[in-house]
Amino acid sequence: MGIVCDAYHKPIFYDHTLDDYTVSNGILITKNKKVFEIINERLINTTGNDMPYYHQKTTVEVEEYRRQKAIKAQKKKEEDAKL
């Protein structure tokens, strides 16, 4: 039996009544609790940060990327409208 949780180490449950099955906090899957603990320990010992930290960092980076992409698209749209 394995462990499946989100980036904040909360269990992921399947709910067949939902319309959207998106897991917005990432997925962490391990073979068993011992492997789960070893992975967390190695991540913290090696980087000084835990999985929730990296999830938050990635979320911020993606939001900034999308914002920059939208700005570029808007500028291009405005330039095309001038022509």
Protein backbone atom coordinates (compact mmCIF):
# COMPACT_ATOMS: atom_id res chain seq x y z
CA MET A 1 0.00 0.00 0.00
CA GLY A 2 1.37 3.41 -0.96
CA ILE A 3 0.93 6.98 0.16
CA VAL A 4 -0.69 9.63 -2.05
CA CYS A 5 -0.90 13.21 -0.82
CA ASP A 6 -0.68 16.76 -2.06
CA ALA A 7 2.34 19.05 -1.70
CA TYR A 8 1.15 20.03 1.78
CA HIS A 9 1.11 16.38 2.88
CA LYS A 10 -2.70 16.25 3.03
CA PRO A 11 -4.30 13.03 1.77
CA ILE A 12 -5.96 13.09 -1.64
CA PHE A 13 -9.42 11.57 -1.73
CA TYR A 14 -11.42 10.64 -4.80
CA ASP A 15 -14.91 12.11 -4.74
CA HIS A 16 -17.03 10.85 -7.61
CA THR A 17 -19.57 13.66 -7.09
CA LEU A 18 -17.14 16.39 -8.15
CA ASP A 19 -17.19 17.94 -11.61
CA ASP A 20 -13.47 18.77 -11.53
CA TYR A 21 -10.82 16.29 -10.41
CA THR A 22 -7.88 18.69 -10.68
CA VAL A 23 -5.31 18.40 -7.92
CA SER A 24 -4.11 21.97 -7.59
CA ASN A 25 -1.47 21.38 -4.92
CA GLY A 26 0.62 18.82 -6.78
CA ILE A 27 0.90 15.11 -6.00
CA LEU A 28 3.45 13.26 -3.92
CA ILE A 29 3.35 9.47 -4.26
CA THR A 30 5.55 7.02 -2.40
CA LYS A 31 5.73 3.28 -1.98
CA ASN A 32 5.22 3.39 1.78
CA LYS A 33 5.49 5.63 4.85
CA LYS A 34 9.20 4.92 5.35
CA VAL A 35 10.03 6.05 1.80
CA PHE A 36 7.81 9.11 2.30
CA GLU A 37 9.73 10.07 5.45
CA ILE A 38 13.13 9.46 3.79
CA ILE A 39 12.21 11.64 0.80
CA ASN A 40 11.07 14.48 3.05
CA GLU A 41 14.16 14.20 5.23
CA ARG A 42 16.53 14.17 2.23
CA LEU A 43 14.79 17.13 0.62
CA ILE A 44 15.05 19.22 3.80
CA ASN A 45 18.62 18.12 4.56
CA THR A 46 19.83 18.75 1.01
CA THR A 47 18.03 21.99 0.22
CA GLY A 48 16.88 23.36 3.56
CA ASN A 49 13.33 23.53 2.21
CA ASP A 50 10.31 21.24 2.25
CA MET A 51 7.80 20.26 -0.44
CA PRO A 52 5.26 23.00 0.45
CA TYR A 53 8.03 25.59 -0.06
CA TYR A 54 8.75 24.32 -3.58
CA HIS A 55 5.07 24.13 -4.39
CA GLN A 56 4.58 27.76 -3.38
CA LYS A 57 7.70 28.84 -5.27
CA THR A 58 6.52 27.10 -8.43
CA THR A 59 3.04 28.62 -8.11
CA VAL A 60 4.51 32.13 -7.88
CA GLU A 61 6.83 31.51 -10.84
CA VAL A 62 3.97 30.20 -13.01
CA GLU A 63 1.76 33.17 -12.10
CA GLU A 64 4.56 35.59 -13.05
CA TYR A 65 5.19 33.75 -16.33
CA ARG A 66 1.49 33.93 -17.21
CA ARG A 67 1.35 37.62 -16.28
CA GLN A 68 4.34 38.42 -18.50
CA LYS A 69 2.87 36.38 -21.35
CA ALA A 70 -0.45 38.27 -21.06
CA ILE A 71 1.38 41.63 -21.11
CA LYS A 72 3.26 40.64 -24.28
CA ALA A 73 0.05 39.46 -25.94
CA GLN A 74 -1.70 42.71 -25.04
CA LYS A 75 1.19 44.81 -26.41
CA LYS A 76 1.16 42.81 -29.65
CA LYS A 77 -2.59 43.25 -29.94
CA GLU A 78 -2.24 47.01 -29.46
CA GLU A 79 0.57 47.22 -32.05
CA ASP A 80 -1.46 45.21 -34.57
CA ALA A 81 -4.43 47.52 -34.00
CA LYS A 82 -2.29 50.56 -34.87
CA LEU A 83 -1.40 49.14 -38.29
